[in-house]
PDBML (XML) file of the C-alpha atoms, coordinates in Angstrom:
<?xml version="1.0" encoding="UTF-8" ?>
<PDBx:datablock datablockName="MODEL"
   xmlns:PDBx="http://pdbml.pdb.org/schema/pdbx-v50.xsd"
   xmlns:xsi="http://www.w3.org/2001/XMLSchema-instance"
   xsi:schemaLocation="http://pdbml.pdb.org/schema/pdbx-v50.xsd pdbx-v50.xsd">
   <PDBx:atom_siteCategory>
      <PDBx:atom_site id="1">
         <PDBx:B_iso_or_equiv>0.00</PDBx:B_iso_or_equiv>
         <PDBx:Cartn_x>40.284</PDBx:Cartn_x>
         <PDBx:Cartn_y>-32.628</PDBx:Cartn_y>
         <PDBx:Cartn_z>-28.441</PDBx:Cartn_z>
         <PDBx:auth_asym_id>A</PDBx:auth_asym_id>
         <PDBx:auth_atom_id>CA</PDBx:auth_atom_id>
         <PDBx:auth_comp_id>GLN</PDBx:auth_comp_id>
         <PDBx:auth_seq_id>1</PDBx:auth_seq_id>
         <PDBx:group_PDB>ATOM</PDBx:group_PDB>
         <PDBx:label_alt_id xsi:nil="true" />
         <PDBx:label_asym_id>A</PDBx:label_asym_id>
         <PDBx:label_atom_id>CA</PDBx:label_atom_id>
         <PDBx:label_comp_id>GLN</PDBx:label_comp_id>
         <PDBx:label_entity_id>1</PDBx:label_entity_id>
         <PDBx:label_seq_id>1</PDBx:label_seq_id>
         <PDBx:occupancy>1.00</PDBx:occupancy>
         <PDBx:pdbx_PDB_model_num>1</PDBx:pdbx_PDB_model_num>
         <PDBx:type_symbol>C</PDBx:type_symbol>
      </PDBx:atom_site>
      <PDBx:atom_site id="2">
         <PDBx:B_iso_or_equiv>0.00</PDBx:B_iso_or_equiv>
         <PDBx:Cartn_x>36.527</PDBx:Cartn_x>
         <PDBx:Cartn_y>-32.957</PDBx:Cartn_y>
         <PDBx:Cartn_z>-27.944</PDBx:Cartn_z>
         <PDBx:auth_asym_id>A</PDBx:auth_asym_id>
         <PDBx:auth_atom_id>CA</PDBx:auth_atom_id>
         <PDBx:auth_comp_id>VAL</PDBx:auth_comp_id>
         <PDBx:auth_seq_id>2</PDBx:auth_seq_id>
         <PDBx:group_PDB>ATOM</PDBx:group_PDB>
         <PDBx:label_alt_id xsi:nil="true" />
         <PDBx:label_asym_id>A</PDBx:label_asym_id>
         <PDBx:label_atom_id>CA</PDBx:label_atom_id>
         <PDBx:label_comp_id>VAL</PDBx:label_comp_id>
         <PDBx:label_entity_id>1</PDBx:label_entity_id>
         <PDBx:label_seq_id>2</PDBx:label_seq_id>
         <PDBx:occupancy>1.00</PDBx:occupancy>
         <PDBx:pdbx_PDB_model_num>1</PDBx:pdbx_PDB_model_num>
         <PDBx:type_symbol>C</PDBx:type_symbol>
      </PDBx:atom_site>
      <PDBx:atom_site id="3">
         <PDBx:B_iso_or_equiv>0.00</PDBx:B_iso_or_equiv>
         <PDBx:Cartn_x>34.697</PDBx:Cartn_x>
         <PDBx:Cartn_y>-35.560</PDBx:Cartn_y>
         <PDBx:Cartn_z>-29.953</PDBx:Cartn_z>
         <PDBx:auth_asym_id>A</PDBx:auth_asym_id>
         <PDBx:auth_atom_id>CA</PDBx:auth_atom_id>
         <PDBx:auth_comp_id>ARG</PDBx:auth_comp_id>
         <PDBx:auth_seq_id>3</PDBx:auth_seq_id>
         <PDBx:group_PDB>ATOM</PDBx:group_PDB>
         <PDBx:label_alt_id xsi:nil="true" />
         <PDBx:label_asym_id>A</PDBx:label_asym_id>
         <PDBx:label_atom_id>CA</PDBx:label_atom_id>
         <PDBx:label_comp_id>ARG</PDBx:label_comp_id>
         <PDBx:label_entity_id>1</PDBx:label_entity_id>
         <PDBx:label_seq_id>3</PDBx:label_seq_id>
         <PDBx:occupancy>1.00</PDBx:occupancy>
         <PDBx:pdbx_PDB_model_num>1</PDBx:pdbx_PDB_model_num>
         <PDBx:type_symbol>C</PDBx:type_symbol>
      </PDBx:atom_site>
      <PDBx:atom_site id="4">
         <PDBx:B_iso_or_equiv>0.00</PDBx:B_iso_or_equiv>
         <PDBx:Cartn_x>31.048</PDBx:Cartn_x>
         <PDBx:Cartn_y>-36.512</PDBx:Cartn_y>
         <PDBx:Cartn_z>-30.176</PDBx:Cartn_z>
         <PDBx:auth_asym_id>A</PDBx:auth_asym_id>
         <PDBx:auth_atom_id>CA</PDBx:auth_atom_id>
         <PDBx:auth_comp_id>LEU</PDBx:auth_comp_id>
         <PDBx:auth_seq_id>4</PDBx:auth_seq_id>
         <PDBx:group_PDB>ATOM</PDBx:group_PDB>
         <PDBx:label_alt_id xsi:nil="true" />
         <PDBx:label_asym_id>A</PDBx:label_asym_id>
         <PDBx:label_atom_id>CA</PDBx:label_atom_id>
         <PDBx:label_comp_id>LEU</PDBx:label_comp_id>
         <PDBx:label_entity_id>1</PDBx:label_entity_id>
         <PDBx:label_seq_id>4</PDBx:label_seq_id>
         <PDBx:occupancy>1.00</PDBx:occupancy>
         <PDBx:pdbx_PDB_model_num>1</PDBx:pdbx_PDB_model_num>
         <PDBx:type_symbol>C</PDBx:type_symbol>
      </PDBx:atom_site>
      <PDBx:atom_site id="5">
         <PDBx:B_iso_or_equiv>0.00</PDBx:B_iso_or_equiv>
         <PDBx:Cartn_x>30.221</PDBx:Cartn_x>
         <PDBx:Cartn_y>-39.845</PDBx:Cartn_y>
         <PDBx:Cartn_z>-31.721</PDBx:Cartn_z>
         <PDBx:auth_asym_id>A</PDBx:auth_asym_id>
         <PDBx:auth_atom_id>CA</PDBx:auth_atom_id>
         <PDBx:auth_comp_id>VAL</PDBx:auth_comp_id>
         <PDBx:auth_seq_id>5</PDBx:auth_seq_id>
         <PDBx:group_PDB>ATOM</PDBx:group_PDB>
         <PDBx:label_alt_id xsi:nil="true" />
         <PDBx:label_asym_id>A</PDBx:label_asym_id>
         <PDBx:label_atom_id>CA</PDBx:label_atom_id>
         <PDBx:label_comp_id>VAL</PDBx:label_comp_id>
         <PDBx:label_entity_id>1</PDBx:label_entity_id>
         <PDBx:label_seq_id>5</PDBx:label_seq_id>
         <PDBx:occupancy>1.00</PDBx:occupancy>
         <PDBx:pdbx_PDB_model_num>1</PDBx:pdbx_PDB_model_num>
         <PDBx:type_symbol>C</PDBx:type_symbol>
      </PDBx:atom_site>
      <PDBx:atom_site id="6">
         <PDBx:B_iso_or_equiv>0.00</PDBx:B_iso_or_equiv>
         <PDBx:Cartn_x>26.644</PDBx:Cartn_x>
         <PDBx:Cartn_y>-40.949</PDBx:Cartn_y>
         <PDBx:Cartn_z>-32.320</PDBx:Cartn_z>
         <PDBx:auth_asym_id>A</PDBx:auth_asym_id>
         <PDBx:auth_atom_id>CA</PDBx:auth_atom_id>
         <PDBx:auth_comp_id>GLU</PDBx:auth_comp_id>
         <PDBx:auth_seq_id>6</PDBx:auth_seq_id>
         <PDBx:group_PDB>ATOM</PDBx:group_PDB>
         <PDBx:label_alt_id xsi:nil="true" />
         <PDBx:label_asym_id>A</PDBx:label_asym_id>
         <PDBx:label_atom_id>CA</PDBx:label_atom_id>
         <PDBx:label_comp_id>GLU</PDBx:label_comp_id>
         <PDBx:label_entity_id>1</PDBx:label_entity_id>
         <PDBx:label_seq_id>6</PDBx:label_seq_id>
         <PDBx:occupancy>1.00</PDBx:occupancy>
         <PDBx:pdbx_PDB_model_num>1</PDBx:pdbx_PDB_model_num>
         <PDBx:type_symbol>C</PDBx:type_symbol>
      </PDBx:atom_site>
      <PDBx:atom_site id="7">
         <PDBx:B_iso_or_equiv>0.00</PDBx:B_iso_or_equiv>
         <PDBx:Cartn_x>25.496</PDBx:Cartn_x>
         <PDBx:Cartn_y>-44.511</PDBx:Cartn_y>
         <PDBx:Cartn_z>-32.606</PDBx:Cartn_z>
         <PDBx:auth_asym_id>A</PDBx:auth_asym_id>
         <PDBx:auth_atom_id>CA</PDBx:auth_atom_id>
         <PDBx:auth_comp_id>SER</PDBx:auth_comp_id>
         <PDBx:auth_seq_id>7</PDBx:auth_seq_id>
         <PDBx:group_PDB>ATOM</PDBx:group_PDB>
         <PDBx:label_alt_id xsi:nil="true" />
         <PDBx:label_asym_id>A</PDBx:label_asym_id>
         <PDBx:label_atom_id>CA</PDBx:label_atom_id>
         <PDBx:label_comp_id>SER</PDBx:label_comp_id>
         <PDBx:label_entity_id>1</PDBx:label_entity_id>
         <PDBx:label_seq_id>7</PDBx:label_seq_id>
         <PDBx:occupancy>1.00</PDBx:occupancy>
         <PDBx:pdbx_PDB_model_num>1</PDBx:pdbx_PDB_model_num>
         <PDBx:type_symbol>C</PDBx:type_symbol>
      </PDBx:atom_site>
      <PDBx:atom_site id="8">
         <PDBx:B_iso_or_equiv>0.00</PDBx:B_iso_or_equiv>
         <PDBx:Cartn_x>22.287</PDBx:Cartn_x>
         <PDBx:Cartn_y>-46.485</PDBx:Cartn_y>
         <PDBx:Cartn_z>-32.599</PDBx:Cartn_z>
         <PDBx:auth_asym_id>A</PDBx:auth_asym_id>
         <PDBx:auth_atom_id>CA</PDBx:auth_atom_id>
         <PDBx:auth_comp_id>GLY</PDBx:auth_comp_id>
         <PDBx:auth_seq_id>8</PDBx:auth_seq_id>
         <PDBx:group_PDB>ATOM</PDBx:group_PDB>
         <PDBx:label_alt_id xsi:nil="true" />
         <PDBx:label_asym_id>A</PDBx:label_asym_id>
         <PDBx:label_atom_id>CA</PDBx:label_atom_id>
         <PDBx:label_comp_id>GLY</PDBx:label_comp_id>
         <PDBx:label_entity_id>1</PDBx:label_entity_id>
         <PDBx:label_seq_id>8</PDBx:label_seq_id>
         <PDBx:occupancy>1.00</PDBx:occupancy>
         <PDBx:pdbx_PDB_model_num>1</PDBx:pdbx_PDB_model_num>
         <PDBx:type_symbol>C</PDBx:type_symbol>
      </PDBx:atom_site>
      <PDBx:atom_site id="9">
         <PDBx:B_iso_or_equiv>0.00</PDBx:B_iso_or_equiv>
         <PDBx:Cartn_x>20.679</PDBx:Cartn_x>
         <PDBx:Cartn_y>-45.343</PDBx:Cartn_y>
         <PDBx:Cartn_z>-35.802</PDBx:Cartn_z>
         <PDBx:auth_asym_id>A</PDBx:auth_asym_id>
         <PDBx:auth_atom_id>CA</PDBx:auth_atom_id>
         <PDBx:auth_comp_id>GLY</PDBx:auth_comp_id>
         <PDBx:auth_seq_id>9</PDBx:auth_seq_id>
         <PDBx:group_PDB>ATOM</PDBx:group_PDB>
         <PDBx:label_alt_id xsi:nil="true" />
         <PDBx:label_asym_id>A</PDBx:label_asym_id>
         <PDBx:label_atom_id>CA</PDBx:label_atom_id>
         <PDBx:label_comp_id>GLY</PDBx:label_comp_id>
         <PDBx:label_entity_id>1</PDBx:label_entity_id>
         <PDBx:label_seq_id>9</PDBx:label_seq_id>
         <PDBx:occupancy>1.00</PDBx:occupancy>
         <PDBx:pdbx_PDB_model_num>1</PDBx:pdbx_PDB_model_num>
         <PDBx:type_symbol>C</PDBx:type_symbol>
      </PDBx:atom_site>
      <PDBx:atom_site id="10">
         <PDBx:B_iso_or_equiv>0.00</PDBx:B_iso_or_equiv>
         <PDBx:Cartn_x>19.086</PDBx:Cartn_x>
         <PDBx:Cartn_y>-47.769</PDBx:Cartn_y>
         <PDBx:Cartn_z>-38.160</PDBx:Cartn_z>
         <PDBx:auth_asym_id>A</PDBx:auth_asym_id>
         <PDBx:auth_atom_id>CA</PDBx:auth_atom_id>
         <PDBx:auth_comp_id>GLY</PDBx:auth_comp_id>
         <PDBx:auth_seq_id>10</PDBx:auth_seq_id>
         <PDBx:group_PDB>ATOM</PDBx:group_PDB>
         <PDBx:label_alt_id xsi:nil="true" />
         <PDBx:label_asym_id>A</PDBx:label_asym_id>
         <PDBx:label_atom_id>CA</PDBx:label_atom_id>
         <PDBx:label_comp_id>GLY</PDBx:label_comp_id>
         <PDBx:label_entity_id>1</PDBx:label_entity_id>
         <PDBx:label_seq_id>10</PDBx:label_seq_id>
         <PDBx:occupancy>1.00</PDBx:occupancy>
         <PDBx:pdbx_PDB_model_num>1</PDBx:pdbx_PDB_model_num>
         <PDBx:type_symbol>C</PDBx:type_symbol>
      </PDBx:atom_site>
      <PDBx:atom_site id="11">
         <PDBx:B_iso_or_equiv>0.00</PDBx:B_iso_or_equiv>
         <PDBx:Cartn_x>15.958</PDBx:Cartn_x>
         <PDBx:Cartn_y>-48.743</PDBx:Cartn_y>
         <PDBx:Cartn_z>-39.984</PDBx:Cartn_z>
         <PDBx:auth_asym_id>A</PDBx:auth_asym_id>
         <PDBx:auth_atom_id>CA</PDBx:auth_atom_id>
         <PDBx:auth_comp_id>SER</PDBx:auth_comp_id>
         <PDBx:auth_seq_id>11</PDBx:auth_seq_id>
         <PDBx:group_PDB>ATOM</PDBx:group_PDB>
         <PDBx:label_alt_id xsi:nil="true" />
         <PDBx:label_asym_id>A</PDBx:label_asym_id>
         <PDBx:label_atom_id>CA</PDBx:label_atom_id>
         <PDBx:label_comp_id>SER</PDBx:label_comp_id>
         <PDBx:label_entity_id>1</PDBx:label_entity_id>
         <PDBx:label_seq_id>11</PDBx:label_seq_id>
         <PDBx:occupancy>1.00</PDBx:occupancy>
         <PDBx:pdbx_PDB_model_num>1</PDBx:pdbx_PDB_model_num>
         <PDBx:type_symbol>C</PDBx:type_symbol>
      </PDBx:atom_site>
      <PDBx:atom_site id="12">
         <PDBx:B_iso_or_equiv>0.00</PDBx:B_iso_or_equiv>
         <PDBx:Cartn_x>12.850</PDBx:Cartn_x>
         <PDBx:Cartn_y>-49.558</PDBx:Cartn_y>
         <PDBx:Cartn_z>-38.010</PDBx:Cartn_z>
         <PDBx:auth_asym_id>A</PDBx:auth_asym_id>
         <PDBx:auth_atom_id>CA</PDBx:auth_atom_id>
         <PDBx:auth_comp_id>VAL</PDBx:auth_comp_id>
         <PDBx:auth_seq_id>12</PDBx:auth_seq_id>
         <PDBx:group_PDB>ATOM</PDBx:group_PDB>
         <PDBx:label_alt_id xsi:nil="true" />
         <PDBx:label_asym_id>A</PDBx:label_asym_id>
         <PDBx:label_atom_id>CA</PDBx:label_atom_id>
         <PDBx:label_comp_id>VAL</PDBx:label_comp_id>
         <PDBx:label_entity_id>1</PDBx:label_entity_id>
         <PDBx:label_seq_id>12</PDBx:label_seq_id>
         <PDBx:occupancy>1.00</PDBx:occupancy>
         <PDBx:pdbx_PDB_model_num>1</PDBx:pdbx_PDB_model_num>
         <PDBx:type_symbol>C</PDBx:type_symbol>
      </PDBx:atom_site>
      <PDBx:atom_site id="13">
         <PDBx:B_iso_or_equiv>0.00</PDBx:B_iso_or_equiv>
         <PDBx:Cartn_x>9.195</PDBx:Cartn_x>
         <PDBx:Cartn_y>-50.121</PDBx:Cartn_y>
         <PDBx:Cartn_z>-38.740</PDBx:Cartn_z>
         <PDBx:auth_asym_id>A</PDBx:auth_asym_id>
         <PDBx:auth_atom_id>CA</PDBx:auth_atom_id>
         <PDBx:auth_comp_id>GLN</PDBx:auth_comp_id>
         <PDBx:auth_seq_id>13</PDBx:auth_seq_id>
         <PDBx:group_PDB>ATOM</PDBx:group_PDB>
         <PDBx:label_alt_id xsi:nil="true" />
         <PDBx:label_asym_id>A</PDBx:label_asym_id>
         <PDBx:label_atom_id>CA</PDBx:label_atom_id>
         <PDBx:label_comp_id>GLN</PDBx:label_comp_id>
         <PDBx:label_entity_id>1</PDBx:label_entity_id>
         <PDBx:label_seq_id>13</PDBx:label_seq_id>
         <PDBx:occupancy>1.00</PDBx:occupancy>
         <PDBx:pdbx_PDB_model_num>1</PDBx:pdbx_PDB_model_num>
         <PDBx:type_symbol>C</PDBx:type_symbol>
      </PDBx:atom_site>
      <PDBx:atom_site id="14">
         <PDBx:B_iso_or_equiv>0.00</PDBx:B_iso_or_equiv>
         <PDBx:Cartn_x>6.732</PDBx:Cartn_x>
         <PDBx:Cartn_y>-47.462</PDBx:Cartn_y>
         <PDBx:Cartn_z>-37.701</PDBx:Cartn_z>
         <PDBx:auth_asym_id>A</PDBx:auth_asym_id>
         <PDBx:auth_atom_id>CA</PDBx:auth_atom_id>
         <PDBx:auth_comp_id>ALA</PDBx:auth_comp_id>
         <PDBx:auth_seq_id>14</PDBx:auth_seq_id>
         <PDBx:group_PDB>ATOM</PDBx:group_PDB>
         <PDBx:label_alt_id xsi:nil="true" />
         <PDBx:label_asym_id>A</PDBx:label_asym_id>
         <PDBx:label_atom_id>CA</PDBx:label_atom_id>
         <PDBx:label_comp_id>ALA</PDBx:label_comp_id>
         <PDBx:label_entity_id>1</PDBx:label_entity_id>
         <PDBx:label_seq_id>14</PDBx:label_seq_id>
         <PDBx:occupancy>1.00</PDBx:occupancy>
         <PDBx:pdbx_PDB_model_num>1</PDBx:pdbx_PDB_model_num>
         <PDBx:type_symbol>C</PDBx:type_symbol>
      </PDBx:atom_site>
      <PDBx:atom_site id="15">
         <PDBx:B_iso_or_equiv>0.00</PDBx:B_iso_or_equiv>
         <PDBx:Cartn_x>5.726</PDBx:Cartn_x>
         <PDBx:Cartn_y>-47.986</PDBx:Cartn_y>
         <PDBx:Cartn_z>-34.113</PDBx:Cartn_z>
         <PDBx:auth_asym_id>A</PDBx:auth_asym_id>
         <PDBx:auth_atom_id>CA</PDBx:auth_atom_id>
         <PDBx:auth_comp_id>GLY</PDBx:auth_comp_id>
         <PDBx:auth_seq_id>15</PDBx:auth_seq_id>
         <PDBx:group_PDB>ATOM</PDBx:group_PDB>
         <PDBx:label_alt_id xsi:nil="true" />
         <PDBx:label_asym_id>A</PDBx:label_asym_id>
         <PDBx:label_atom_id>CA</PDBx:label_atom_id>
         <PDBx:label_comp_id>GLY</PDBx:label_comp_id>
         <PDBx:label_entity_id>1</PDBx:label_entity_id>
         <PDBx:label_seq_id>15</PDBx:label_seq_id>
         <PDBx:occupancy>1.00</PDBx:occupancy>
         <PDBx:pdbx_PDB_model_num>1</PDBx:pdbx_PDB_model_num>
         <PDBx:type_symbol>C</PDBx:type_symbol>
      </PDBx:atom_site>
      <PDBx:atom_site id="16">
         <PDBx:B_iso_or_equiv>0.00</PDBx:B_iso_or_equiv>
         <PDBx:Cartn_x>9.090</PDBx:Cartn_x>
         <PDBx:Cartn_y>-49.420</PDBx:Cartn_y>
         <PDBx:Cartn_z>-33.223</PDBx:Cartn_z>
         <PDBx:auth_asym_id>A</PDBx:auth_asym_id>
         <PDBx:auth_atom_id>CA</PDBx:auth_atom_id>
         <PDBx:auth_comp_id>GLY</PDBx:auth_comp_id>
         <PDBx:auth_seq_id>16</PDBx:auth_seq_id>
         <PDBx:group_PDB>ATOM</PDBx:group_PDB>
         <PDBx:label_alt_id xsi:nil="true" />
         <PDBx:label_asym_id>A</PDBx:label_asym_id>
         <PDBx:label_atom_id>CA</PDBx:label_atom_id>
         <PDBx:label_comp_id>GLY</PDBx:label_comp_id>
         <PDBx:label_entity_id>1</PDBx:label_entity_id>
         <PDBx:label_seq_id>16</PDBx:label_seq_id>
         <PDBx:occupancy>1.00</PDBx:occupancy>
         <PDBx:pdbx_PDB_model_num>1</PDBx:pdbx_PDB_model_num>
         <PDBx:type_symbol>C</PDBx:type_symbol>
      </PDBx:atom_site>
      <PDBx:atom_site id="17">
         <PDBx:B_iso_or_equiv>0.00</PDBx:B_iso_or_equiv>
         <PDBx:Cartn_x>11.859</PDBx:Cartn_x>
         <PDBx:Cartn_y>-48.002</PDBx:Cartn_y>
         <PDBx:Cartn_z>-31.119</PDBx:Cartn_z>
         <PDBx:auth_asym_id>A</PDBx:auth_asym_id>
         <PDBx:auth_atom_id>CA</PDBx:auth_atom_id>
         <PDBx:auth_comp_id>ALA</PDBx:auth_comp_id>
         <PDBx:auth_seq_id>17</PDBx:auth_seq_id>
         <PDBx:group_PDB>ATOM</PDBx:group_PDB>
         <PDBx:label_alt_id xsi:nil="true" />
         <PDBx:label_asym_id>A</PDBx:label_asym_id>
         <PDBx:label_atom_id>CA</PDBx:label_atom_id>
         <PDBx:label_comp_id>ALA</PDBx:label_comp_id>
         <PDBx:label_entity_id>1</PDBx:label_entity_id>
         <PDBx:label_seq_id>17</PDBx:label_seq_id>
         <PDBx:occupancy>1.00</PDBx:occupancy>
         <PDBx:pdbx_PDB_model_num>1</PDBx:pdbx_PDB_model_num>
         <PDBx:type_symbol>C</PDBx:type_symbol>
      </PDBx:atom_site>
      <PDBx:atom_site id="18">
         <PDBx:B_iso_or_equiv>0.00</PDBx:B_iso_or_equiv>
         <PDBx:Cartn_x>15.493</PDBx:Cartn_x>
         <PDBx:Cartn_y>-47.059</PDBx:Cartn_y>
         <PDBx:Cartn_z>-31.300</PDBx:Cartn_z>
         <PDBx:auth_asym_id>A</PDBx:auth_asym_id>
         <PDBx:auth_atom_id>CA</PDBx:auth_atom_id>
         <PDBx:auth_comp_id>LEU</PDBx:auth_comp_id>
         <PDBx:auth_seq_id>18</PDBx:auth_seq_id>
         <PDBx:group_PDB>ATOM</PDBx:group_PDB>
         <PDBx:label_alt_id xsi:nil="true" />
         <PDBx:label_asym_id>A</PDBx:label_asym_id>
         <PDBx:label_atom_id>CA</PDBx:label_atom_id>
         <PDBx:label_comp_id>LEU</PDBx:label_comp_id>
         <PDBx:label_entity_id>1</PDBx:label_entity_id>
         <PDBx:label_seq_id>18</PDBx:label_seq_id>
         <PDBx:occupancy>1.00</PDBx:occupancy>
         <PDBx:pdbx_PDB_model_num>1</PDBx:pdbx_PDB_model_num>
         <PDBx:type_symbol>C</PDBx:type_symbol>
      </PDBx:atom_site>
      <PDBx:atom_site id="19">
         <PDBx:B_iso_or_equiv>0.00</PDBx:B_iso_or_equiv>
         <PDBx:Cartn_x>17.955</PDBx:Cartn_x>
         <PDBx:Cartn_y>-45.788</PDBx:Cartn_y>
         <PDBx:Cartn_z>-28.768</PDBx:Cartn_z>
         <PDBx:auth_asym_id>A</PDBx:auth_asym_id>
         <PDBx:auth_atom_id>CA</PDBx:auth_atom_id>
         <PDBx:auth_comp_id>ARG</PDBx:auth_comp_id>
         <PDBx:auth_seq_id>19</PDBx:auth_seq_id>
         <PDBx:group_PDB>ATOM</PDBx:group_PDB>
         <PDBx:label_alt_id xsi:nil="true" />
         <PDBx:label_asym_id>A</PDBx:label_asym_id>
         <PDBx:label_atom_id>CA</PDBx:label_atom_id>
         <PDBx:label_comp_id>ARG</PDBx:label_comp_id>
         <PDBx:label_entity_id>1</PDBx:label_entity_id>
         <PDBx:label_seq_id>19</PDBx:label_seq_id>
         <PDBx:occupancy>1.00</PDBx:occupancy>
         <PDBx:pdbx_PDB_model_num>1</PDBx:pdbx_PDB_model_num>
         <PDBx:type_symbol>C</PDBx:type_symbol>
      </PDBx:atom_site>
      <PDBx:atom_site id="20">
         <PDBx:B_iso_or_equiv>0.00</PDBx:B_iso_or_equiv>
         <PDBx:Cartn_x>20.598</PDBx:Cartn_x>
         <PDBx:Cartn_y>-43.361</PDBx:Cartn_y>
         <PDBx:Cartn_z>-29.898</PDBx:Cartn_z>
         <PDBx:auth_asym_id>A</PDBx:auth_asym_id>
         <PDBx:auth_atom_id>CA</PDBx:auth_atom_id>
         <PDBx:auth_comp_id>LEU</PDBx:auth_comp_id>
         <PDBx:auth_seq_id>20</PDBx:auth_seq_id>
         <PDBx:group_PDB>ATOM</PDBx:group_PDB>
         <PDBx:label_alt_id xsi:nil="true" />
         <PDBx:label_asym_id>A</PDBx:label_asym_id>
         <PDBx:label_atom_id>CA</PDBx:label_atom_id>
         <PDBx:label_comp_id>LEU</PDBx:label_comp_id>
         <PDBx:label_entity_id>1</PDBx:label_entity_id>
         <PDBx:label_seq_id>20</PDBx:label_seq_id>
         <PDBx:occupancy>1.00</PDBx:occupancy>
         <PDBx:pdbx_PDB_model_num>1</PDBx:pdbx_PDB_model_num>
         <PDBx:type_symbol>C</PDBx:type_symbol>
      </PDBx:atom_site>
      <PDBx:atom_site id="21">
         <PDBx:B_iso_or_equiv>0.00</PDBx:B_iso_or_equiv>
         <PDBx:Cartn_x>23.756</PDBx:Cartn_x>
         <PDBx:Cartn_y>-42.769</PDBx:Cartn_y>
         <PDBx:Cartn_z>-27.947</PDBx:Cartn_z>
         <PDBx:auth_asym_id>A</PDBx:auth_asym_id>
         <PDBx:auth_atom_id>CA</PDBx:auth_atom_id>
         <PDBx:auth_comp_id>SER</PDBx:auth_comp_id>
         <PDBx:auth_seq_id>21</PDBx:auth_seq_id>
         <PDBx:group_PDB>ATOM</PDBx:group_PDB>
         <PDBx:label_alt_id xsi:nil="true" />
         <PDBx:label_asym_id>A</PDBx:label_asym_id>
         <PDBx:label_atom_id>CA</PDBx:label_atom_id>
         <PDBx:label_comp_id>SER</PDBx:label_comp_id>
         <PDBx:label_entity_id>1</PDBx:label_entity_id>
         <PDBx:label_seq_id>21</PDBx:label_seq_id>
         <PDBx:occupancy>1.00</PDBx:occupancy>
         <PDBx:pdbx_PDB_model_num>1</PDBx:pdbx_PDB_model_num>
         <PDBx:type_symbol>C</PDBx:type_symbol>
      </PDBx:atom_site>
      <PDBx:atom_site id="22">
         <PDBx:B_iso_or_equiv>0.00</PDBx:B_iso_or_equiv>
         <PDBx:Cartn_x>26.281</PDBx:Cartn_x>
         <PDBx:Cartn_y>-39.987</PDBx:Cartn_y>
         <PDBx:Cartn_z>-28.093</PDBx:Cartn_z>
         <PDBx:auth_asym_id>A</PDBx:auth_asym_id>
         <PDBx:auth_atom_id>CA</PDBx:auth_atom_id>
         <PDBx:auth_comp_id>CYS</PDBx:auth_comp_id>
         <PDBx:auth_seq_id>22</PDBx:auth_seq_id>
         <PDBx:group_PDB>ATOM</PDBx:group_PDB>
         <PDBx:label_alt_id xsi:nil="true" />
         <PDBx:label_asym_id>A</PDBx:label_asym_id>
         <PDBx:label_atom_id>CA</PDBx:label_atom_id>
         <PDBx:label_comp_id>CYS</PDBx:label_comp_id>
         <PDBx:label_entity_id>1</PDBx:label_entity_id>
         <PDBx:label_seq_id>22</PDBx:label_seq_id>
         <PDBx:occupancy>1.00</PDBx:occupancy>
         <PDBx:pdbx_PDB_model_num>1</PDBx:pdbx_PDB_model_num>
         <PDBx:type_symbol>C</PDBx:type_symbol>
      </PDBx:atom_site>
      <PDBx:atom_site id="23">
         <PDBx:B_iso_or_equiv>0.00</PDBx:B_iso_or_equiv>
         <PDBx:Cartn_x>29.667</PDBx:Cartn_x>
         <PDBx:Cartn_y>-40.589</PDBx:Cartn_y>
         <PDBx:Cartn_z>-26.585</PDBx:Cartn_z>
         <PDBx:auth_asym_id>A</PDBx:auth_asym_id>
         <PDBx:auth_atom_id>CA</PDBx:auth_atom_id>
         <PDBx:auth_comp_id>LYS</PDBx:auth_comp_id>
         <PDBx:auth_seq_id>23</PDBx:auth_seq_id>
         <PDBx:group_PDB>ATOM</PDBx:group_PDB>
         <PDBx:label_alt_id xsi:nil="true" />
         <PDBx:label_asym_id>A</PDBx:label_asym_id>
         <PDBx:label_atom_id>CA</PDBx:label_atom_id>
         <PDBx:label_comp_id>LYS</PDBx:label_comp_id>
         <PDBx:label_entity_id>1</PDBx:label_entity_id>
         <PDBx:label_seq_id>23</PDBx:label_seq_id>
         <PDBx:occupancy>1.00</PDBx:occupancy>
         <PDBx:pdbx_PDB_model_num>1</PDBx:pdbx_PDB_model_num>
         <PDBx:type_symbol>C</PDBx:type_symbol>
      </PDBx:atom_site>
      <PDBx:atom_site id="24">
         <PDBx:B_iso_or_equiv>0.00</PDBx:B_iso_or_equiv>
         <PDBx:Cartn_x>31.224</PDBx:Cartn_x>
         <PDBx:Cartn_y>-37.304</PDBx:Cartn_y>
         <PDBx:Cartn_z>-25.530</PDBx:Cartn_z>
         <PDBx:auth_asym_id>A</PDBx:auth_asym_id>
         <PDBx:auth_atom_id>CA</PDBx:auth_atom_id>
         <PDBx:auth_comp_id>VAL</PDBx:auth_comp_id>
         <PDBx:auth_seq_id>24</PDBx:auth_seq_id>
         <PDBx:group_PDB>ATOM</PDBx:group_PDB>
         <PDBx:label_alt_id xsi:nil="true" />
         <PDBx:label_asym_id>A</PDBx:label_asym_id>
         <PDBx:label_atom_id>CA</PDBx:label_atom_id>
         <PDBx:label_comp_id>VAL</PDBx:label_comp_id>
         <PDBx:label_entity_id>1</PDBx:label_entity_id>
         <PDBx:label_seq_id>24</PDBx:label_seq_id>
         <PDBx:occupancy>1.00</PDBx:occupancy>
         <PDBx:pdbx_PDB_model_num>1</PDBx:pdbx_PDB_model_num>
         <PDBx:type_symbol>C</PDBx:type_symbol>
      </PDBx:atom_site>
   </PDBx:atom_siteCategory>
</PDBx:datablock>
């Protein structure tokens, strides 16, 4: 089985930053 799971999303003010991760 192959799974991809994203994380790191959220709500942020314009100009801010987020880091998304995908575990494969």
